[in-house]
Amino acid sequence: MRTAHSGEEIAVASTRAAGQNERVPEHDDPFRVVFVCTGNICRSPMAEIVFRQVATESGFGDRVTSSSAGTGDWHVGERADARTLEALERRGYDGSRHRARQFTHDDFDRHDLVIALDRSHERILSSWARTPTDADKLALLLTFDAAAQGALDVPDPYYAGPAMFDDVLGMIESASRALFRQLEPAIRRAF
């Protein structure tokens, strides 16, 4: 079973990755995180928006960026699912500018950390990793959150009702805060 990652593990992985990729983060470059789900209309947009807000509220909005993508191309260019937008709005987030896109190999180069929302995404992303450095950037969101009590997958709310979207958003909020807490010391040291 996977365990929560330490900030030091993340810092070491991102430093190792930065040293082997074309994009070497400069002092002024933000730490870049991409969240990945299936179609980039439910879970990963939630995670992108929540994580960005957590970073901003912590005073690191200029040092951390978040984006999202899907493993599939079914919804490229579309807005997030209406139920995603409604759940976000109920909690005070604005997802209106989100447009779905598909993850590409270039995302490994552009991002310091690639966060999968469930194990199926992690398997796909692992198969797309071209190098050990790419693979080192992969993690499951819930592995950062002790409150997840060993759960590894953020459930897909697509075939459920609004209550499930709210539940999933709650899981993502908790895990995003936990992820940021683990990243913060390394980000603070880098700047």
N, C-alpha and C. Protein backbone atom coordinates (compact mmCIF):
# COMPACT_ATOMS: atom_id res chain seq x y z
N MET A 1 0.84 -1.19 0.00
CA MET A 1 0.00 0.00 0.00
C MET A 1 0.88 1.24 0.00
N ARG A 2 0.45 2.25 -0.71
CA ARG A 2 1.20 3.49 -0.80
C ARG A 2 1.06 4.29 0.49
N THR A 3 2.07 5.08 0.75
CA THR A 3 2.03 5.94 1.92
C THR A 3 2.10 7.40 1.48
N ALA A 4 1.82 8.26 2.41
CA ALA A 4 1.90 9.69 2.12
C ALA A 4 3.34 10.06 1.78
N HIS A 5 3.49 10.99 0.88
CA HIS A 5 4.80 11.47 0.47
C HIS A 5 5.24 12.56 1.42
N SER A 6 6.54 12.63 1.65
CA SER A 6 7.04 13.74 2.45
C SER A 6 7.41 14.89 1.51
N GLY A 7 7.44 16.09 2.05
CA GLY A 7 7.86 17.24 1.26
C GLY A 7 9.26 17.04 0.72
N GLU A 8 10.11 16.40 1.51
CA GLU A 8 11.48 16.16 1.07
C GLU A 8 11.50 15.20 -0.11
N GLU A 9 10.67 14.13 -0.09
CA GLU A 9 10.60 13.22 -1.22
C GLU A 9 10.18 13.95 -2.48
N ILE A 10 9.20 14.81 -2.36
CA ILE A 10 8.72 15.58 -3.50
C ILE A 10 9.81 16.51 -4.00
N ALA A 11 10.48 17.18 -3.07
CA ALA A 11 11.55 18.10 -3.45
C ALA A 11 12.68 17.36 -4.16
N VAL A 12 13.05 16.18 -3.65
CA VAL A 12 14.12 15.41 -4.26
C VAL A 12 13.70 14.95 -5.65
N ALA A 13 12.48 14.44 -5.79
CA ALA A 13 12.00 13.98 -7.09
C ALA A 13 11.95 15.12 -8.09
N SER A 14 11.43 16.27 -7.66
CA SER A 14 11.33 17.39 -8.60
C SER A 14 12.71 17.95 -8.93
N THR A 15 13.62 17.95 -7.98
CA THR A 15 14.98 18.42 -8.25
C THR A 15 15.68 17.47 -9.21
N ARG A 16 15.53 16.17 -8.97
CA ARG A 16 16.13 15.17 -9.85
C ARG A 16 15.54 15.31 -11.25
N ALA A 17 14.22 15.47 -11.32
CA ALA A 17 13.56 15.63 -12.61
C ALA A 17 14.03 16.90 -13.31
N ALA A 18 14.13 17.98 -12.56
CA ALA A 18 14.56 19.25 -13.16
C ALA A 18 15.97 19.14 -13.70
N GLY A 19 16.81 18.40 -13.03
CA GLY A 19 18.18 18.26 -13.49
C GLY A 19 18.31 17.42 -14.74
N GLN A 20 17.31 16.63 -15.08
CA GLN A 20 17.40 15.75 -16.23
C GLN A 20 16.49 16.17 -17.37
N ASN A 21 15.66 17.16 -17.19
CA ASN A 21 14.76 17.62 -18.23
C ASN A 21 15.30 18.86 -18.90
N GLU A 22 14.73 19.17 -20.05
CA GLU A 22 15.12 20.38 -20.76
C GLU A 22 14.77 21.62 -19.93
N ARG A 23 13.62 21.62 -19.28
CA ARG A 23 13.19 22.79 -18.51
C ARG A 23 13.76 22.70 -17.11
N VAL A 24 14.78 23.45 -16.87
CA VAL A 24 15.37 23.51 -15.53
C VAL A 24 14.79 24.74 -14.84
N PRO A 25 14.09 24.55 -13.74
CA PRO A 25 13.47 25.70 -13.08
C PRO A 25 14.51 26.73 -12.65
N GLU A 26 14.26 27.94 -13.00
CA GLU A 26 15.08 29.05 -12.54
C GLU A 26 14.54 29.49 -11.18
N HIS A 27 15.28 30.36 -10.52
CA HIS A 27 14.85 30.85 -9.21
C HIS A 27 13.45 31.47 -9.28
N ASP A 28 13.16 32.16 -10.37
CA ASP A 28 11.87 32.84 -10.49
C ASP A 28 10.76 31.95 -11.05
N ASP A 29 11.11 30.77 -11.56
CA ASP A 29 10.10 29.88 -12.12
C ASP A 29 9.22 29.30 -11.02
N PRO A 30 7.92 29.28 -11.24
CA PRO A 30 7.05 28.65 -10.25
C PRO A 30 7.17 27.13 -10.30
N PHE A 31 6.78 26.49 -9.21
CA PHE A 31 6.67 25.04 -9.15
C PHE A 31 5.36 24.68 -9.86
N ARG A 32 5.42 23.79 -10.85
CA ARG A 32 4.26 23.52 -11.70
C ARG A 32 3.69 22.12 -11.42
N VAL A 33 2.39 22.10 -11.13
CA VAL A 33 1.68 20.86 -10.85
C VAL A 33 0.55 20.70 -11.87
N VAL A 34 0.41 19.51 -12.44
CA VAL A 34 -0.71 19.23 -13.33
C VAL A 34 -1.49 18.05 -12.73
N PHE A 35 -2.80 18.20 -12.69
CA PHE A 35 -3.71 17.18 -12.17
C PHE A 35 -4.37 16.49 -13.36
N VAL A 36 -4.46 15.15 -13.31
CA VAL A 36 -4.94 14.40 -14.46
C VAL A 36 -6.05 13.43 -14.07
N CYS A 37 -7.17 13.52 -14.81
CA CYS A 37 -8.24 12.53 -14.68
C CYS A 37 -8.57 12.01 -16.07
N THR A 38 -9.78 11.53 -16.28
CA THR A 38 -10.12 10.89 -17.54
C THR A 38 -10.38 11.89 -18.67
N GLY A 39 -11.41 12.73 -18.49
CA GLY A 39 -11.80 13.64 -19.57
C GLY A 39 -11.52 15.10 -19.29
N ASN A 40 -10.99 15.40 -18.11
CA ASN A 40 -10.66 16.77 -17.71
C ASN A 40 -11.90 17.66 -17.62
N ILE A 41 -13.00 17.06 -17.13
CA ILE A 41 -14.21 17.87 -16.94
C ILE A 41 -14.80 17.75 -15.53
N CYS A 42 -14.30 16.83 -14.72
CA CYS A 42 -14.85 16.67 -13.36
C CYS A 42 -13.76 16.80 -12.30
N ARG A 43 -13.01 15.74 -12.06
CA ARG A 43 -12.08 15.70 -10.94
C ARG A 43 -10.85 16.60 -11.12
N SER A 44 -10.18 16.49 -12.25
CA SER A 44 -8.93 17.26 -12.39
C SER A 44 -9.16 18.77 -12.44
N PRO A 45 -10.26 19.27 -13.05
CA PRO A 45 -10.49 20.72 -12.95
C PRO A 45 -10.72 21.16 -11.50
N MET A 46 -11.43 20.32 -10.74
CA MET A 46 -11.63 20.64 -9.32
C MET A 46 -10.28 20.77 -8.63
N ALA A 47 -9.41 19.79 -8.86
CA ALA A 47 -8.11 19.78 -8.19
C ALA A 47 -7.27 20.98 -8.62
N GLU A 48 -7.26 21.30 -9.90
CA GLU A 48 -6.50 22.45 -10.40
C GLU A 48 -6.95 23.73 -9.70
N ILE A 49 -8.24 23.94 -9.64
CA ILE A 49 -8.81 25.18 -9.09
C ILE A 49 -8.61 25.25 -7.58
N VAL A 50 -8.86 24.14 -6.90
CA VAL A 50 -8.69 24.12 -5.44
C VAL A 50 -7.22 24.33 -5.07
N PHE A 51 -6.32 23.61 -5.74
CA PHE A 51 -4.89 23.73 -5.41
C PHE A 51 -4.39 25.16 -5.66
N ARG A 52 -4.83 25.76 -6.75
CA ARG A 52 -4.45 27.14 -7.04
C ARG A 52 -4.91 28.07 -5.92
N GLN A 53 -6.14 27.86 -5.44
CA GLN A 53 -6.67 28.69 -4.36
C GLN A 53 -5.90 28.48 -3.06
N VAL A 54 -5.57 27.23 -2.76
CA VAL A 54 -4.78 26.94 -1.55
C VAL A 54 -3.43 27.65 -1.62
N ALA A 55 -2.77 27.58 -2.77
CA ALA A 55 -1.47 28.25 -2.93
C ALA A 55 -1.61 29.76 -2.78
N THR A 56 -2.64 30.31 -3.37
CA THR A 56 -2.87 31.76 -3.30
C THR A 56 -3.13 32.20 -1.86
N GLU A 57 -4.01 31.48 -1.18
CA GLU A 57 -4.34 31.82 0.21
C GLU A 57 -3.15 31.68 1.13
N SER A 58 -2.20 30.83 0.77
CA SER A 58 -1.00 30.62 1.58
C SER A 58 0.10 31.63 1.26
N GLY A 59 -0.17 32.52 0.31
CA GLY A 59 0.81 33.52 -0.07
C GLY A 59 1.83 33.05 -1.09
N PHE A 60 1.58 31.89 -1.71
CA PHE A 60 2.51 31.34 -2.69
C PHE A 60 1.91 31.28 -4.09
N GLY A 61 0.89 32.08 -4.35
CA GLY A 61 0.24 32.06 -5.65
C GLY A 61 1.16 32.36 -6.81
N ASP A 62 2.23 33.11 -6.55
CA ASP A 62 3.18 33.43 -7.61
C ASP A 62 4.31 32.40 -7.71
N ARG A 63 4.36 31.48 -6.76
CA ARG A 63 5.44 30.48 -6.74
C ARG A 63 4.97 29.09 -7.16
N VAL A 64 3.67 28.91 -7.27
CA VAL A 64 3.10 27.61 -7.60
C VAL A 64 2.01 27.81 -8.65
N THR A 65 2.04 27.00 -9.69
CA THR A 65 0.95 27.03 -10.67
C THR A 65 0.33 25.64 -10.74
N SER A 66 -0.93 25.62 -11.10
CA SER A 66 -1.60 24.35 -11.30
C SER A 66 -2.37 24.39 -12.60
N SER A 67 -2.45 23.24 -13.22
CA SER A 67 -3.23 23.07 -14.44
C SER A 67 -3.85 21.68 -14.37
N SER A 68 -4.58 21.31 -15.40
CA SER A 68 -5.18 19.99 -15.41
C SER A 68 -5.30 19.50 -16.85
N ALA A 69 -5.50 18.20 -16.97
CA ALA A 69 -5.63 17.57 -18.28
C ALA A 69 -6.34 16.23 -18.10
N GLY A 70 -6.75 15.66 -19.22
CA GLY A 70 -7.38 14.34 -19.21
C GLY A 70 -6.53 13.34 -19.96
N THR A 71 -6.71 12.08 -19.66
CA THR A 71 -6.01 11.04 -20.41
C THR A 71 -6.66 10.84 -21.77
N GLY A 72 -7.94 11.19 -21.88
CA GLY A 72 -8.66 11.04 -23.14
C GLY A 72 -8.94 12.38 -23.79
N ASP A 73 -9.36 12.32 -25.05
CA ASP A 73 -9.60 13.54 -25.82
C ASP A 73 -11.07 13.84 -26.07
N TRP A 74 -11.97 13.14 -25.41
CA TRP A 74 -13.40 13.26 -25.68
C TRP A 74 -13.96 14.65 -25.46
N HIS A 75 -13.43 15.39 -24.53
CA HIS A 75 -14.01 16.68 -24.15
C HIS A 75 -13.11 17.88 -24.44
N VAL A 76 -12.06 17.69 -25.22
CA VAL A 76 -11.10 18.77 -25.48
C VAL A 76 -11.85 20.02 -25.95
N GLY A 77 -11.54 21.13 -25.29
CA GLY A 77 -12.14 22.42 -25.62
C GLY A 77 -13.44 22.73 -24.90
N GLU A 78 -14.01 21.73 -24.25
CA GLU A 78 -15.29 21.93 -23.55
C GLU A 78 -15.06 22.52 -22.16
N ARG A 79 -16.11 23.12 -21.65
CA ARG A 79 -16.10 23.59 -20.26
C ARG A 79 -16.16 22.38 -19.33
N ALA A 80 -15.90 22.60 -18.07
CA ALA A 80 -16.07 21.54 -17.08
C ALA A 80 -17.54 21.14 -17.04
N ASP A 81 -17.81 19.94 -16.60
CA ASP A 81 -19.18 19.46 -16.44
C ASP A 81 -19.96 20.47 -15.60
N ALA A 82 -21.21 20.70 -15.95
CA ALA A 82 -22.04 21.67 -15.22
C ALA A 82 -22.11 21.35 -13.73
N ARG A 83 -22.15 20.07 -13.39
CA ARG A 83 -22.22 19.68 -11.98
C ARG A 83 -20.90 19.99 -11.26
N THR A 84 -19.79 19.92 -11.98
CA THR A 84 -18.49 20.32 -11.42
C THR A 84 -18.51 21.80 -11.12
N LEU A 85 -18.96 22.58 -12.09
CA LEU A 85 -19.00 24.04 -11.91
C LEU A 85 -19.92 24.42 -10.76
N GLU A 86 -21.06 23.74 -10.65
CA GLU A 86 -22.00 24.03 -9.56
C GLU A 86 -21.41 23.68 -8.21
N ALA A 87 -20.75 22.52 -8.11
CA ALA A 87 -20.12 22.13 -6.84
C ALA A 87 -19.04 23.13 -6.45
N LEU A 88 -18.22 23.52 -7.42
CA LEU A 88 -17.18 24.52 -7.14
C LEU A 88 -17.80 25.83 -6.67
N GLU A 89 -18.83 26.27 -7.36
CA GLU A 89 -19.47 27.53 -7.00
C GLU A 89 -20.07 27.49 -5.60
N ARG A 90 -20.67 26.35 -5.24
CA ARG A 90 -21.25 26.22 -3.89
C ARG A 90 -20.20 26.41 -2.80
N ARG A 91 -18.93 26.12 -3.12
CA ARG A 91 -17.85 26.25 -2.15
C ARG A 91 -17.02 27.52 -2.37
N GLY A 92 -17.46 28.37 -3.28
CA GLY A 92 -16.78 29.65 -3.47
C GLY A 92 -15.65 29.67 -4.50
N TYR A 93 -15.56 28.65 -5.33
CA TYR A 93 -14.54 28.60 -6.37
C TYR A 93 -15.16 28.99 -7.71
N ASP A 94 -14.32 29.51 -8.60
CA ASP A 94 -14.78 29.88 -9.94
C ASP A 94 -14.11 28.98 -10.97
N GLY A 95 -14.88 28.13 -11.60
CA GLY A 95 -14.35 27.24 -12.62
C GLY A 95 -14.77 27.63 -14.02
N SER A 96 -15.29 28.83 -14.18
CA SER A 96 -15.88 29.23 -15.46
C SER A 96 -14.88 29.33 -16.61
N ARG A 97 -13.62 29.54 -16.32
CA ARG A 97 -12.64 29.69 -17.41
C ARG A 97 -12.02 28.37 -17.85
N HIS A 98 -12.31 27.29 -17.15
CA HIS A 98 -11.71 26.01 -17.50
C HIS A 98 -12.16 25.52 -18.87
N ARG A 99 -11.21 25.01 -19.64
CA ARG A 99 -11.48 24.32 -20.90
C ARG A 99 -10.66 23.04 -20.89
N ALA A 100 -11.30 21.94 -21.21
CA ALA A 100 -10.66 20.63 -21.15
C ALA A 100 -9.56 20.51 -22.21
N ARG A 101 -8.53 19.78 -21.83
CA ARG A 101 -7.45 19.46 -22.76
C ARG A 101 -6.93 18.07 -22.42
N GLN A 102 -6.21 17.49 -23.37
CA GLN A 102 -5.63 16.17 -23.17
C GLN A 102 -4.18 16.30 -22.74
N PHE A 103 -3.75 15.44 -21.83
CA PHE A 103 -2.36 15.37 -21.40
C PHE A 103 -1.51 14.96 -22.60
N THR A 104 -0.33 15.56 -22.72
CA THR A 104 0.60 15.20 -23.79
C THR A 104 1.96 14.89 -23.17
N HIS A 105 2.84 14.31 -23.96
CA HIS A 105 4.19 14.03 -23.48
C HIS A 105 4.89 15.30 -23.03
N ASP A 106 4.60 16.42 -23.67
CA ASP A 106 5.22 17.69 -23.28
C ASP A 106 4.86 18.10 -21.86
N ASP A 107 3.74 17.61 -21.34
CA ASP A 107 3.36 17.93 -19.96
C ASP A 107 4.39 17.42 -18.96
N PHE A 108 5.04 16.31 -19.29
CA PHE A 108 6.10 15.82 -18.40
C PHE A 108 7.24 16.85 -18.33
N ASP A 109 7.54 17.48 -19.45
CA ASP A 109 8.62 18.47 -19.48
C ASP A 109 8.21 19.78 -18.83
N ARG A 110 6.96 20.16 -18.98
CA ARG A 110 6.49 21.46 -18.48
C ARG A 110 6.15 21.48 -17.00
N HIS A 111 5.98 20.31 -16.39
CA HIS A 111 5.53 20.25 -15.01
C HIS A 111 6.53 19.55 -14.11
N ASP A 112 6.55 19.98 -12.86
CA ASP A 112 7.43 19.40 -11.87
C ASP A 112 6.79 18.21 -11.17
N LEU A 113 5.47 18.18 -11.17
CA LEU A 113 4.73 17.13 -10.48
C LEU A 113 3.47 16.82 -11.30
N VAL A 114 3.22 15.53 -11.55
CA VAL A 114 2.05 15.07 -12.31
C VAL A 114 1.20 14.24 -11.36
N ILE A 115 0.03 14.76 -11.03
CA ILE A 115 -0.83 14.13 -10.02
C ILE A 115 -2.02 13.44 -10.69
N ALA A 116 -2.09 12.13 -10.53
CA ALA A 116 -3.21 11.34 -11.06
C ALA A 116 -4.31 11.29 -10.01
N LEU A 117 -5.55 11.32 -10.48
CA LEU A 117 -6.68 11.28 -9.55
C LEU A 117 -7.10 9.87 -9.18
N ASP A 118 -6.72 8.88 -9.99
CA ASP A 118 -6.95 7.49 -9.58
C ASP A 118 -5.90 6.59 -10.22
N ARG A 119 -5.91 5.33 -9.82
CA ARG A 119 -4.87 4.40 -10.27
C ARG A 119 -4.94 4.12 -11.77
N SER A 120 -6.12 4.20 -12.38
CA SER A 120 -6.18 4.00 -13.84
C SER A 120 -5.42 5.11 -14.56
N HIS A 121 -5.54 6.33 -14.08
CA HIS A 121 -4.80 7.44 -14.68
C HIS A 121 -3.30 7.26 -14.44
N GLU A 122 -2.96 6.82 -13.24
CA GLU A 122 -1.55 6.60 -12.92
C GLU A 122 -0.94 5.54 -13.84
N ARG A 123 -1.70 4.46 -14.12
CA ARG A 123 -1.20 3.41 -15.02
C ARG A 123 -0.99 3.96 -16.43
N ILE A 124 -1.95 4.73 -16.90
CA ILE A 124 -1.83 5.31 -18.25
C ILE A 124 -0.63 6.25 -18.31
N LEU A 125 -0.53 7.14 -17.33
CA LEU A 125 0.58 8.09 -17.31
C LEU A 125 1.93 7.37 -17.19
N SER A 126 1.97 6.31 -16.41
CA SER A 126 3.21 5.53 -16.29
C SER A 126 3.60 4.94 -17.64
N SER A 127 2.61 4.48 -18.39
CA SER A 127 2.91 3.90 -19.71
C SER A 127 3.34 4.98 -20.71
N TRP A 128 2.93 6.23 -20.48
CA TRP A 128 3.33 7.33 -21.35
C TRP A 128 4.68 7.94 -20.95
N ALA A 129 5.14 7.64 -19.74
CA ALA A 129 6.42 8.20 -19.27
C ALA A 129 7.54 7.68 -20.17
N ARG A 130 8.32 8.58 -20.72
CA ARG A 130 9.38 8.22 -21.66
C ARG A 130 10.67 7.86 -20.95
N THR A 131 10.83 8.37 -19.75
CA THR A 131 12.09 8.19 -19.02
C THR A 131 11.78 7.94 -17.54
N PRO A 132 12.75 7.46 -16.79
CA PRO A 132 12.56 7.35 -15.34
C PRO A 132 12.25 8.71 -14.71
N THR A 133 12.80 9.77 -15.27
CA THR A 133 12.53 11.12 -14.76
C THR A 133 11.05 11.44 -14.87
N ASP A 134 10.44 11.13 -16.02
CA ASP A 134 9.00 11.34 -16.19
C ASP A 134 8.23 10.55 -15.13
N ALA A 135 8.60 9.29 -14.97
CA ALA A 135 7.91 8.43 -14.00
C ALA A 135 8.07 8.93 -12.58
N ASP A 136 9.22 9.52 -12.26
CA ASP A 136 9.46 10.05 -10.91
C ASP A 136 8.53 11.19 -10.56
N LYS A 137 7.98 11.85 -11.55
CA LYS A 137 7.09 12.99 -11.32
C LYS A 137 5.67 12.57 -10.98
N LEU A 138 5.33 11.30 -11.15
CA LEU A 138 3.96 10.82 -10.96
C LEU A 138 3.64 10.53 -9.50
N ALA A 139 2.41 10.89 -9.11
CA ALA A 139 1.90 10.56 -7.78
C ALA A 139 0.38 10.52 -7.84
N LEU A 140 -0.20 9.82 -6.90
CA LEU A 140 -1.66 9.80 -6.73
C LEU A 140 -2.05 10.85 -5.70
N LEU A 141 -3.06 11.63 -5.99
CA LEU A 141 -3.46 12.72 -5.10
C LEU A 141 -3.73 12.25 -3.68
N LEU A 142 -4.50 11.21 -3.52
CA LEU A 142 -4.90 10.81 -2.17
C LEU A 142 -3.76 10.27 -1.32
N THR A 143 -2.63 9.92 -1.94
CA THR A 143 -1.51 9.42 -1.13
C THR A 143 -0.89 10.51 -0.27
N PHE A 144 -1.22 11.76 -0.54
CA PHE A 144 -0.70 12.87 0.26
C PHE A 144 -1.53 13.13 1.51
N ASP A 145 -2.72 12.55 1.58
CA ASP A 145 -3.69 12.90 2.62
C ASP A 145 -3.93 11.75 3.58
N ALA A 146 -3.45 11.88 4.80
CA ALA A 146 -3.67 10.85 5.81
C ALA A 146 -5.16 10.66 6.10
N ALA A 147 -5.95 11.72 5.90
CA ALA A 147 -7.39 11.63 6.14
C ALA A 147 -8.07 10.69 5.15
N ALA A 148 -7.41 10.36 4.05
CA ALA A 148 -7.98 9.43 3.06
C ALA A 148 -7.97 8.00 3.59
N GLN A 149 -7.27 7.76 4.67
CA GLN A 149 -7.23 6.47 5.36
C GLN A 149 -6.93 5.31 4.43
N GLY A 150 -5.93 5.51 3.58
CA GLY A 150 -5.49 4.42 2.70
C GLY A 150 -6.20 4.36 1.36
N ALA A 151 -7.28 5.12 1.18
CA ALA A 151 -7.94 5.15 -0.13
C ALA A 151 -6.97 5.73 -1.14
N LEU A 152 -6.98 5.20 -2.35
CA LEU A 152 -6.05 5.66 -3.37
C LEU A 152 -6.73 6.41 -4.51
N ASP A 153 -8.01 6.11 -4.73
CA ASP A 153 -8.71 6.66 -5.88
C ASP A 153 -9.76 7.69 -5.49
N VAL A 154 -9.72 8.85 -6.15
CA VAL A 154 -10.82 9.81 -6.04
C VAL A 154 -11.89 9.28 -6.98
N PRO A 155 -13.08 8.95 -6.46
CA PRO A 155 -14.10 8.34 -7.32
C PRO A 155 -14.59 9.29 -8.40
N ASP A 156 -14.95 8.73 -9.54
CA ASP A 156 -15.45 9.51 -10.66
C ASP A 156 -16.93 9.81 -10.43
N PRO A 157 -17.31 11.08 -10.30
CA PRO A 157 -18.71 11.41 -10.04
C PRO A 157 -19.56 11.53 -11.30
N TYR A 158 -18.99 11.31 -12.47
CA TYR A 158 -19.65 11.60 -13.74
C TYR A 158 -21.05 10.99 -13.85
N TYR A 159 -21.23 9.76 -13.39
CA TYR A 159 -22.53 9.09 -13.51
C TYR A 159 -23.37 9.21 -12.26
N ALA A 160 -23.04 10.15 -11.40
CA ALA A 160 -23.75 10.34 -10.13
C ALA A 160 -24.41 11.72 -10.11
N GLY A 161 -25.05 11.99 -9.00
CA GLY A 161 -25.74 13.26 -8.84
C GLY A 161 -24.89 14.31 -8.16
N PRO A 162 -25.49 15.48 -7.91
CA PRO A 162 -24.76 16.60 -7.31
C PRO A 162 -24.11 16.28 -5.96
N ALA A 163 -24.74 15.44 -5.16
CA ALA A 163 -24.16 15.12 -3.84
C ALA A 163 -22.80 14.45 -4.00
N MET A 164 -22.65 13.60 -5.00
CA MET A 164 -21.37 12.92 -5.21
C MET A 164 -20.31 13.94 -5.65
N PHE A 165 -20.69 14.92 -6.46
CA PHE A 165 -19.75 15.96 -6.86
C PHE A 165 -19.27 16.73 -5.63
N ASP A 166 -20.19 17.01 -4.71
CA ASP A 166 -19.80 17.69 -3.46
C ASP A 166 -18.85 16.83 -2.63
N ASP A 167 -19.15 15.52 -2.56
CA ASP A 167 -18.28 14.61 -1.80
C ASP A 167 -16.88 14.55 -2.41
N VAL A 168 -16.82 14.42 -3.73
CA VAL A 168 -15.54 14.36 -4.42
C VAL A 168 -14.77 15.67 -4.22
N LEU A 169 -15.45 16.78 -4.31
CA LEU A 169 -14.79 18.06 -4.08
C LEU A 169 -14.22 18.13 -2.66
N GLY A 170 -14.94 17.62 -1.69
CA GLY A 170 -14.43 17.59 -0.32
C GLY A 170 -13.16 16.76 -0.21
N MET A 171 -13.12 15.61 -0.87
CA MET A 171 -11.91 14.78 -0.86
C MET A 171 -10.74 15.52 -1.51
N ILE A 172 -11.03 16.18 -2.62
CA ILE A 172 -9.99 16.91 -3.35
C ILE A 172 -9.49 18.09 -2.52
N GLU A 173 -10.38 18.78 -1.83
CA GLU A 173 -9.95 19.89 -0.98
C GLU A 173 -9.00 19.40 0.11
N SER A 174 -9.38 18.34 0.79
CA SER A 174 -8.54 17.81 1.86
C SER A 174 -7.18 17.36 1.33
N ALA A 175 -7.18 16.62 0.23
CA ALA A 175 -5.92 16.11 -0.32
C ALA A 175 -5.07 17.25 -0.89
N SER A 176 -5.69 18.25 -1.48
CA SER A 176 -4.94 19.39 -2.03
C SER A 176 -4.26 20.18 -0.92
N ARG A 177 -4.96 20.37 0.19
CA ARG A 177 -4.34 21.05 1.33
C ARG A 177 -3.16 20.23 1.86
N ALA A 178 -3.35 18.91 1.93
CA ALA A 178 -2.27 18.04 2.41
C ALA A 178 -1.08 18.07 1.45
N LEU A 179 -1.34 18.03 0.17
CA LEU A 179 -0.27 18.12 -0.82
C LEU A 179 0.48 19.44 -0.68
N PHE A 180 -0.25 20.53 -0.55
CA PHE A 180 0.41 21.82 -0.43
C PHE A 180 1.26 21.90 0.84
N ARG A 181 0.74 21.38 1.95
CA ARG A 181 1.52 21.38 3.20
C ARG A 181 2.84 20.65 3.02
N GLN A 182 2.84 19.59 2.23
CA GLN A 182 4.06 18.82 2.03
C GLN A 182 5.00 19.51 1.04
N LEU A 183 4.46 20.26 0.11
CA LEU A 183 5.29 20.99 -0.85
C LEU A 183 5.85 22.29 -0.29
N GLU A 184 5.12 22.91 0.60
CA GLU A 184 5.46 24.26 1.06
C GLU A 184 6.89 24.42 1.56
N PRO A 185 7.42 23.53 2.40
CA PRO A 185 8.80 23.74 2.86
C PRO A 185 9.81 23.77 1.71
N ALA A 186 9.65 22.90 0.74
CA ALA A 186 10.58 22.87 -0.40
C ALA A 186 10.41 24.12 -1.26
N ILE A 187 9.19 24.57 -1.44
CA ILE A 187 8.94 25.79 -2.22
C ILE A 187 9.51 27.00 -1.49
N ARG A 188 9.32 27.04 -0.19
CA ARG A 188 9.84 28.15 0.62
C ARG A 188 11.37 28.23 0.51
N ARG A 189 12.03 27.06 0.57
CA ARG A 189 13.50 27.02 0.47
C ARG A 189 13.99 27.43 -0.92
N ALA A 190 13.22 27.12 -1.94
CA ALA A 190 13.63 27.40 -3.32
C ALA A 190 13.58 28.87 -3.65
N PHE A 191 12.83 29.63 -2.87
CA PHE A 191 12.66 31.05 -3.22
C PHE A 191 13.30 31.88 -2.14
